[in-house]
C-alpha atoms as a PDB file:
ATOM      1  CA  MET A   1     142.092 129.513  82.401  1.00  0.00           C
ATOM      2  CA  GLU A   2     141.645 127.155  85.446  1.00  0.00           C
ATOM      3  CA  ASN A   3     140.486 129.955  87.573  1.00  0.00           C
ATOM      4  CA  ARG A   4     137.733 130.452  84.813  1.00  0.00           C
ATOM      5  CA  LYS A   5     136.839 126.465  85.584  1.00  0.00           C
ATOM      6  CA  PHE A   6     136.726 126.914  88.950  1.00  0.00           C
ATOM      7  CA  VAL A   7     134.738 130.309  89.011  1.00  0.00           C
ATOM      8  CA  VAL A   8     131.792 128.134  86.646  1.00  0.00           C
ATOM      9  CA  TRP A   9     131.785 125.065  88.759  1.00  0.00           C
ATOM     10  CA  ILE A  10     130.829 127.735  91.810  1.00  0.00           C
ATOM     11  CA  ALA A  11     128.331 129.499  89.775  1.00  0.00           C
ATOM     12  CA  LEU A  12     126.956 126.754  88.793  1.00  0.00           C
ATOM     13  CA  ILE A  13     126.659 124.520  92.066  1.00  0.00           C
ATOM     14  CA  GLY A  14     125.451 128.497  93.428  1.00  0.00           C
ATOM     15  CA  PHE A  15     122.760 128.009  90.968  1.00  0.00           C
ATOM     16  CA  VAL A  16     121.288 124.911  92.147  1.00  0.00           C
ATOM     17  CA  LEU A  17     121.807 125.085  95.523  1.00  0.00           C
ATOM     18  CA  LEU A  18     119.825 128.409  95.066  1.00  0.00           C
ATOM     19  CA  LEU A  19     116.931 126.670  93.118  1.00  0.00           C
ATOM     20  CA  PRO A  20     113.344 125.994  94.738  1.00  0.00           C
ATOM     21  CA  ASN A  21     113.361 122.601  96.030  1.00  0.00           C
ATOM     22  CA  ARG A  22     110.408 120.926  95.174  1.00  0.00           C
ATOM     23  CA  ALA A  23     108.874 117.783  96.239  1.00  0.00           C
ATOM     24  CA  PHE A  24     107.177 115.142  94.185  1.00  0.00           C
ATOM     25  CA  ALA A  25     104.769 112.829  96.640  1.00  0.00           C
ATOM     26  CA  TYR A  26     102.891 109.971  95.619  1.00  0.00           C
ATOM     27  CA  GLY A  27      99.078 110.518  94.755  1.00  0.00           C
ATOM     28  CA  ALA A  28      96.101 110.881  97.369  1.00  0.00           C
ATOM     29  CA  ASP A  29      94.902 107.818  97.446  1.00  0.00           C
ATOM     30  CA  THR A  30      98.779 106.052  98.432  1.00  0.00           C
ATOM     31  CA  HIS A  31      97.824 105.739 102.039  1.00  0.00           C
ATOM     32  CA  ALA A  32      94.866 104.163 102.030  1.00  0.00           C
ATOM     33  CA  TYR A  33      95.947 101.460  99.716  1.00  0.00           C
ATOM     34  CA  LEU A  34      99.125 101.149 101.912  1.00  0.00           C
ATOM     35  CA  THR A  35      96.870 100.870 104.577  1.00  0.00           C
ATOM     36  CA  ASP A  36      94.523  98.040 103.104  1.00  0.00           C
ATOM     37  CA  GLU A  37      97.848  95.719 102.519  1.00  0.00           C
ATOM     38  CA  ILE A  38      99.183  96.321 105.692  1.00  0.00           C
ATOM     39  CA  VAL A  39      95.113  95.513 107.573  1.00  0.00           C
ATOM     40  CA  LYS A  40      95.725  92.265 105.201  1.00  0.00           C
ATOM     41  CA  PHE A  41      99.418  91.215 105.762  1.00  0.00           C
ATOM     42  CA  TYR A  42      98.319  92.187 110.156  1.00  0.00           C
ATOM     43  CA  ASN A  43      94.769  89.841 108.951  1.00  0.00           C
ATOM     44  CA  GLN A  44      97.037  86.732 107.514  1.00  0.00           C
ATOM     45  CA  HIS A  45      99.503  86.965 109.917  1.00  0.00           C
ATOM     46  CA  TYR A  46      97.797  87.250 113.278  1.00  0.00           C
ATOM     47  CA  GLY A  47      94.746  85.164 112.165  1.00  0.00           C
ATOM     48  CA  ASN A  48      93.681  84.973 116.302  1.00  0.00           C
ATOM     49  CA  ASN A  49      93.260  88.224 116.573  1.00  0.00           C
ATOM     50  CA  GLN A  50      91.988  90.115 113.388  1.00  0.00           C
ATOM     51  CA  ILE A  51      90.600  93.822 112.629  1.00  0.00           C
ATOM     52  CA  SER A  52      87.338  93.663 111.793  1.00  0.00           C
ATOM     53  CA  ALA A  53      86.112  95.071 108.442  1.00  0.00           C
ATOM     54  CA  ASP A  54      83.899  97.835 110.418  1.00  0.00           C
ATOM     55  CA  LEU A  55      87.522  98.722 111.974  1.00  0.00           C
ATOM     56  CA  LYS A  56      89.221  98.363 108.452  1.00  0.00           C
ATOM     57  CA  SER A  57      87.157 101.103 106.960  1.00  0.00           C
ATOM     58  CA  TYR A  58      87.717 103.196 110.009  1.00  0.00           C
ATOM     59  CA  ILE A  59      91.437 102.985 109.943  1.00  0.00           C
ATOM     60  CA  ILE A  60      91.608 103.476 105.887  1.00  0.00           C
ATOM     61  CA  ASP A  61      89.506 106.653 106.262  1.00  0.00           C
ATOM     62  CA  GLY A  62      92.038 108.021 108.899  1.00  0.00           C
ATOM     63  CA  SER A  63      94.643 107.257 106.683  1.00  0.00           C
ATOM     64  CA  ARG A  64      92.850 109.105 103.860  1.00  0.00           C
ATOM     65  CA  ARG A  65      92.013 111.878 106.485  1.00  0.00           C
ATOM     66  CA  GLU A  66      95.655 112.598 108.322  1.00  0.00           C
ATOM     67  CA  ASP A  67      96.795 114.335 104.939  1.00  0.00           C
ATOM     68  CA  ASP A  68      93.936 116.664 104.805  1.00  0.00           C
ATOM     69  CA  THR A  69      96.244 119.182 106.974  1.00  0.00           C
END
């Protein structure tokens, strides 16, 4: 009986390891949102050297495009 439990456990572990691995990612706009929040945080804490609105839009666009590959 113990051998049967052992074989069942080995079979289950082997089955799980052979399943295709799937990665669940976040939405496409998540990088853009996070980048926007990072720029806001930076501008709040480093007021003497702020990121301009034009540069902010380029940075956000770059964070969107880095996922296009």
